[in-house]
C-alpha atoms as a PDB file:
ATOM      1  CA  MET A   1      12.284  11.280  42.654  1.00  0.00           C
ATOM      2  CA  THR A   2      14.358   8.114  42.885  1.00  0.00           C
ATOM      3  CA  THR A   3      13.723   5.743  45.777  1.00  0.00           C
ATOM      4  CA  ILE A   4      15.197   2.404  46.680  1.00  0.00           C
ATOM      5  CA  TYR A   5      12.280   0.735  44.913  1.00  0.00           C
ATOM      6  CA  ASP A   6      13.810   1.790  41.586  1.00  0.00           C
ATOM      7  CA  PHE A   7      16.770  -0.589  42.041  1.00  0.00           C
ATOM      8  CA  LYS A   8      17.367  -4.200  41.189  1.00  0.00           C
ATOM      9  CA  VAL A   9      19.933  -6.400  42.905  1.00  0.00           C
ATOM     10  CA  LYS A  10      21.007 -10.010  42.577  1.00  0.00           C
ATOM     11  CA  ASP A  11      20.052 -12.669  45.073  1.00  0.00           C
ATOM     12  CA  THR A  12      22.515 -15.322  46.271  1.00  0.00           C
ATOM     13  CA  GLU A  13      21.730 -17.422  43.189  1.00  0.00           C
ATOM     14  CA  GLY A  14      22.438 -14.554  40.793  1.00  0.00           C
ATOM     15  CA  LYS A  15      18.767 -13.897  39.972  1.00  0.00           C
ATOM     16  CA  GLU A  16      17.635 -10.306  39.632  1.00  0.00           C
ATOM     17  CA  VAL A  17      15.362  -9.043  42.410  1.00  0.00           C
ATOM     18  CA  SER A  18      13.502  -5.740  42.309  1.00  0.00           C
ATOM     19  CA  LEU A  19      13.634  -3.904  45.615  1.00  0.00           C
ATOM     20  CA  ASP A  20      10.053  -2.899  44.834  1.00  0.00           C
ATOM     21  CA  LYS A  21       9.115  -6.173  46.541  1.00  0.00           C
ATOM     22  CA  TYR A  22       9.919  -4.381  49.830  1.00  0.00           C
ATOM     23  CA  ARG A  23       7.553  -1.479  49.137  1.00  0.00           C
ATOM     24  CA  GLU A  24       5.932  -0.045  52.281  1.00  0.00           C
ATOM     25  CA  LYS A  25       8.367  -1.838  54.586  1.00  0.00           C
ATOM     26  CA  VAL A  26      10.980  -0.303  56.861  1.00  0.00           C
ATOM     27  CA  LEU A  27      14.387  -1.582  55.767  1.00  0.00           C
ATOM     28  CA  LEU A  28      17.846  -1.812  57.280  1.00  0.00           C
ATOM     29  CA  ILE A  29      20.428  -2.316  54.523  1.00  0.00           C
ATOM     30  CA  VAL A  30      23.821  -3.557  55.723  1.00  0.00           C
ATOM     31  CA  ASN A  31      27.110  -4.421  54.020  1.00  0.00           C
ATOM     32  CA  THR A  32      28.424  -7.414  55.941  1.00  0.00           C
ATOM     33  CA  ALA A  33      31.457  -9.674  56.316  1.00  0.00           C
ATOM     34  CA  THR A  34      31.937 -13.031  57.996  1.00  0.00           C
ATOM     35  CA  GLU A  35      35.495 -12.513  59.276  1.00  0.00           C
ATOM     36  CA  CYS A  36      35.258  -8.999  60.706  1.00  0.00           C
ATOM     37  CA  GLY A  37      35.452  -7.693  64.253  1.00  0.00           C
ATOM     38  CA  PHE A  38      31.864  -6.518  63.751  1.00  0.00           C
ATOM     39  CA  THR A  39      30.615  -9.941  62.558  1.00  0.00           C
ATOM     40  CA  PRO A  40      28.904 -10.587  65.935  1.00  0.00           C
ATOM     41  CA  GLN A  41      26.474  -7.824  64.888  1.00  0.00           C
ATOM     42  CA  TYR A  42      24.695 -10.546  62.888  1.00  0.00           C
ATOM     43  CA  ASP A  43      23.233 -11.549  66.263  1.00  0.00           C
ATOM     44  CA  GLY A  44      21.789  -8.079  66.834  1.00  0.00           C
ATOM     45  CA  LEU A  45      20.535  -7.831  63.260  1.00  0.00           C
ATOM     46  CA  GLN A  46      18.698 -11.143  63.639  1.00  0.00           C
ATOM     47  CA  LYS A  47      17.152  -9.996  66.940  1.00  0.00           C
ATOM     48  CA  LEU A  48      15.919  -6.771  65.305  1.00  0.00           C
ATOM     49  CA  TYR A  49      14.475  -8.791  62.439  1.00  0.00           C
ATOM     50  CA  GLU A  50      12.682 -11.229  64.746  1.00  0.00           C
ATOM     51  CA  THR A  51      11.342  -8.393  66.906  1.00  0.00           C
ATOM     52  CA  TYR A  52       9.953  -6.240  64.090  1.00  0.00           C
ATOM     53  CA  LYS A  53       9.372  -8.435  61.020  1.00  0.00           C
ATOM     54  CA  ASP A  54       5.668  -8.876  61.794  1.00  0.00           C
ATOM     55  CA  ARG A  55       5.292  -5.081  61.790  1.00  0.00           C
ATOM     56  CA  GLY A  56       6.794  -4.660  58.301  1.00  0.00           C
ATOM     57  CA  PHE A  57      10.559  -4.583  58.934  1.00  0.00           C
ATOM     58  CA  GLU A  58      13.233  -6.277  56.828  1.00  0.00           C
ATOM     59  CA  VAL A  59      17.020  -6.564  57.041  1.00  0.00           C
ATOM     60  CA  LEU A  60      18.787  -6.721  53.661  1.00  0.00           C
ATOM     61  CA  ASP A  61      22.258  -8.254  53.904  1.00  0.00           C
ATOM     62  CA  PHE A  62      24.842  -7.439  51.239  1.00  0.00           C
ATOM     63  CA  PRO A  63      28.127  -9.292  51.837  1.00  0.00           C
ATOM     64  CA  CYS A  64      31.150  -7.258  50.753  1.00  0.00           C
ATOM     65  CA  ASN A  65      34.764  -8.373  50.498  1.00  0.00           C
ATOM     66  CA  GLN A  66      36.250  -4.882  49.941  1.00  0.00           C
ATOM     67  CA  PHE A  67      37.471  -4.278  53.482  1.00  0.00           C
ATOM     68  CA  GLY A  68      40.451  -6.423  54.363  1.00  0.00           C
ATOM     69  CA  GLY A  69      39.103  -9.414  52.403  1.00  0.00           C
ATOM     70  CA  GLN A  70      36.841 -10.191  55.364  1.00  0.00           C
ATOM     71  CA  ALA A  71      34.015 -11.750  53.351  1.00  0.00           C
ATOM     72  CA  PRO A  72      35.775 -14.583  51.540  1.00  0.00           C
ATOM     73  CA  GLY A  73      33.896 -17.571  50.268  1.00  0.00           C
ATOM     74  CA  THR A  74      30.976 -18.179  47.998  1.00  0.00           C
ATOM     75  CA  ASN A  75      27.432 -16.976  48.615  1.00  0.00           C
ATOM     76  CA  GLU A  76      26.601 -20.491  49.789  1.00  0.00           C
ATOM     77  CA  GLU A  77      29.519 -20.580  52.249  1.00  0.00           C
ATOM     78  CA  ILE A  78      28.552 -17.153  53.628  1.00  0.00           C
ATOM     79  CA  ALA A  79      24.909 -18.239  54.010  1.00  0.00           C
ATOM     80  CA  ASN A  80      25.914 -21.478  55.747  1.00  0.00           C
ATOM     81  CA  PHE A  81      28.175 -19.578  58.163  1.00  0.00           C
ATOM     82  CA  CYS A  82      25.493 -16.997  59.009  1.00  0.00           C
ATOM     83  CA  THR A  83      22.775 -19.582  59.478  1.00  0.00           C
ATOM     84  CA  ALA A  84      24.884 -21.983  61.551  1.00  0.00           C
ATOM     85  CA  ARG A  85      26.649 -19.382  63.702  1.00  0.00           C
ATOM     86  CA  PHE A  86      23.976 -16.694  64.106  1.00  0.00           C
ATOM     87  CA  GLY A  87      20.714 -18.307  62.971  1.00  0.00           C
ATOM     88  CA  THR A  88      20.040 -15.551  60.436  1.00  0.00           C
ATOM     89  CA  THR A  89      16.768 -15.747  58.535  1.00  0.00           C
ATOM     90  CA  PHE A  90      16.641 -12.309  56.882  1.00  0.00           C
ATOM     91  CA  ASP A  91      17.272 -11.814  53.167  1.00  0.00           C
ATOM     92  CA  ARG A  92      20.853 -12.051  51.950  1.00  0.00           C
ATOM     93  CA  PHE A  93      22.011 -11.027  48.489  1.00  0.00           C
ATOM     94  CA  ASP A  94      24.941 -11.542  46.153  1.00  0.00           C
ATOM     95  CA  LYS A  95      28.326 -10.284  47.298  1.00  0.00           C
ATOM     96  CA  ILE A  96      28.850  -6.723  46.037  1.00  0.00           C
ATOM     97  CA  ASP A  97      31.250  -3.787  46.000  1.00  0.00           C
ATOM     98  CA  VAL A  98      30.062  -0.745  47.963  1.00  0.00           C
ATOM     99  CA  ASN A  99      32.869   1.629  46.859  1.00  0.00           C
ATOM    100  CA  GLY A 100      34.865   2.218  43.715  1.00  0.00           C
ATOM    101  CA  GLU A 101      34.408   1.696  40.024  1.00  0.00           C
ATOM    102  CA  ASN A 102      32.484  -1.579  40.446  1.00  0.00           C
ATOM    103  CA  GLU A 103      30.215  -0.383  43.249  1.00  0.00           C
ATOM    104  CA  ASP A 104      26.630  -1.505  43.042  1.00  0.00           C
ATOM    105  CA  PRO A 105      24.259   1.282  41.878  1.00  0.00           C
ATOM    106  CA  LEU A 106      22.154   0.723  45.005  1.00  0.00           C
ATOM    107  CA  TYR A 107      25.127   1.773  47.141  1.00  0.00           C
ATOM    108  CA  THR A 108      25.803   4.802  44.956  1.00  0.00           C
ATOM    109  CA  PHE A 109      22.216   5.855  45.682  1.00  0.00           C
ATOM    110  CA  LEU A 110      22.460   5.093  49.413  1.00  0.00           C
ATOM    111  CA  LYS A 111      25.714   7.026  49.798  1.00  0.00           C
ATOM    112  CA  ASN A 112      24.427  10.016  47.825  1.00  0.00           C
ATOM    113  CA  SER A 113      21.292  10.077  49.991  1.00  0.00           C
ATOM    114  CA  GLN A 114      23.103  10.095  53.333  1.00  0.00           C
ATOM    115  CA  GLY A 115      26.727  11.108  53.330  1.00  0.00           C
ATOM    116  CA  GLY A 116      28.735   9.957  56.307  1.00  0.00           C
ATOM    117  CA  ILE A 117      31.817  11.367  57.970  1.00  0.00           C
ATOM    118  CA  LEU A 118      33.842  10.381  54.917  1.00  0.00           C
ATOM    119  CA  GLY A 119      31.330  11.801  52.447  1.00  0.00           C
ATOM    120  CA  ASP A 120      30.214   9.194  49.995  1.00  0.00           C
ATOM    121  CA  LYS A 121      32.660   6.422  50.948  1.00  0.00           C
ATOM    122  CA  ILE A 122      31.614   3.428  53.017  1.00  0.00           C
ATOM    123  CA  LYS A 123      34.306   3.232  55.687  1.00  0.00           C
ATOM    124  CA  TRP A 124      33.981  -0.425  56.725  1.00  0.00           C
ATOM    125  CA  ASN A 125      31.808  -3.523  57.029  1.00  0.00           C
ATOM    126  CA  PHE A 126      28.475  -3.256  58.844  1.00  0.00           C
ATOM    127  CA  THR A 127      27.629   0.276  57.743  1.00  0.00           C
ATOM    128  CA  LYS A 128      23.847   0.465  58.008  1.00  0.00           C
ATOM    129  CA  PHE A 129      21.208   2.475  56.151  1.00  0.00           C
ATOM    130  CA  LEU A 130      17.677   2.861  57.520  1.00  0.00           C
ATOM    131  CA  ILE A 131      14.940   3.231  54.900  1.00  0.00           C
ATOM    132  CA  ASP A 132      11.385   4.433  55.559  1.00  0.00           C
ATOM    133  CA  ARG A 133       8.178   2.916  54.152  1.00  0.00           C
ATOM    134  CA  GLN A 134       8.328   5.306  51.176  1.00  0.00           C
ATOM    135  CA  GLY A 135      11.765   4.041  50.102  1.00  0.00           C
ATOM    136  CA  ASN A 136      13.726   7.059  51.360  1.00  0.00           C
ATOM    137  CA  VAL A 137      17.047   6.831  53.173  1.00  0.00           C
ATOM    138  CA  VAL A 138      16.478   8.412  56.585  1.00  0.00           C
ATOM    139  CA  GLU A 139      19.646   7.499  58.475  1.00  0.00           C
ATOM    140  CA  ARG A 140      23.151   6.143  58.033  1.00  0.00           C
ATOM    141  CA  TYR A 141      24.938   4.393  60.899  1.00  0.00           C
ATOM    142  CA  SER A 142      28.624   3.590  61.232  1.00  0.00           C
ATOM    143  CA  SER A 143      29.985   0.099  61.817  1.00  0.00           C
ATOM    144  CA  GLN A 144      30.400   0.913  65.503  1.00  0.00           C
ATOM    145  CA  LYS A 145      26.640   1.503  65.988  1.00  0.00           C
ATOM    146  CA  LYS A 146      25.263  -1.757  67.350  1.00  0.00           C
ATOM    147  CA  PRO A 147      21.971  -2.976  65.875  1.00  0.00           C
ATOM    148  CA  GLU A 148      20.248  -2.898  69.268  1.00  0.00           C
ATOM    149  CA  ASN A 149      21.002   0.837  69.448  1.00  0.00           C
ATOM    150  CA  ILE A 150      18.949   1.401  66.283  1.00  0.00           C
ATOM    151  CA  ALA A 151      15.749  -0.158  67.678  1.00  0.00           C
ATOM    152  CA  LYS A 152      14.120   3.147  68.714  1.00  0.00           C
ATOM    153  CA  ASP A 153      14.685   4.615  65.224  1.00  0.00           C
ATOM    154  CA  ILE A 154      13.114   1.519  63.649  1.00  0.00           C
ATOM    155  CA  GLU A 155      10.142   1.685  66.027  1.00  0.00           C
ATOM    156  CA  GLY A 156       9.648   5.354  65.155  1.00  0.00           C
ATOM    157  CA  LEU A 157       9.378   4.531  61.463  1.00  0.00           C
ATOM    158  CA  LEU A 158       7.158   1.495  62.044  1.00  0.00           C
ATOM    159  CA  ASP A 159       4.761   3.611  64.108  1.00  0.00           C
ATOM    160  CA  LYS A 160       4.324   6.215  61.359  1.00  0.00           C
END
């Protein structure tokens, strides 16, 4: 059975990273944007990360410019914005497509694992996927779901 550990992605410098490096961790995978109405969620994501990282939790940030061009700029510019404005310290990756013919295979897997209201389409920035310690997608959250409202689900997986 395929799990998230079977995928490779590119880091912000274009180097390939195997998601196997996150084996046995609880993950929250998020497609983000720096100029979106939901951009303040970076604050909540960072708070979740700080609260749970010592218990085996990671946030994986995948900037995406597919929704209204709200993630312009280079990987470096996005990283500088997130660090300066929100103090983010969780892992960020190369900008990707989450829908369409150029969508990243990781997102094809995530969407097929947990269909949302619109089936396999990601509706907007800050869609979140919660992954258990075995690499399985256990929940999909819409952009409107604030990170702090996911804390109990994360705790439940960390306690298993």
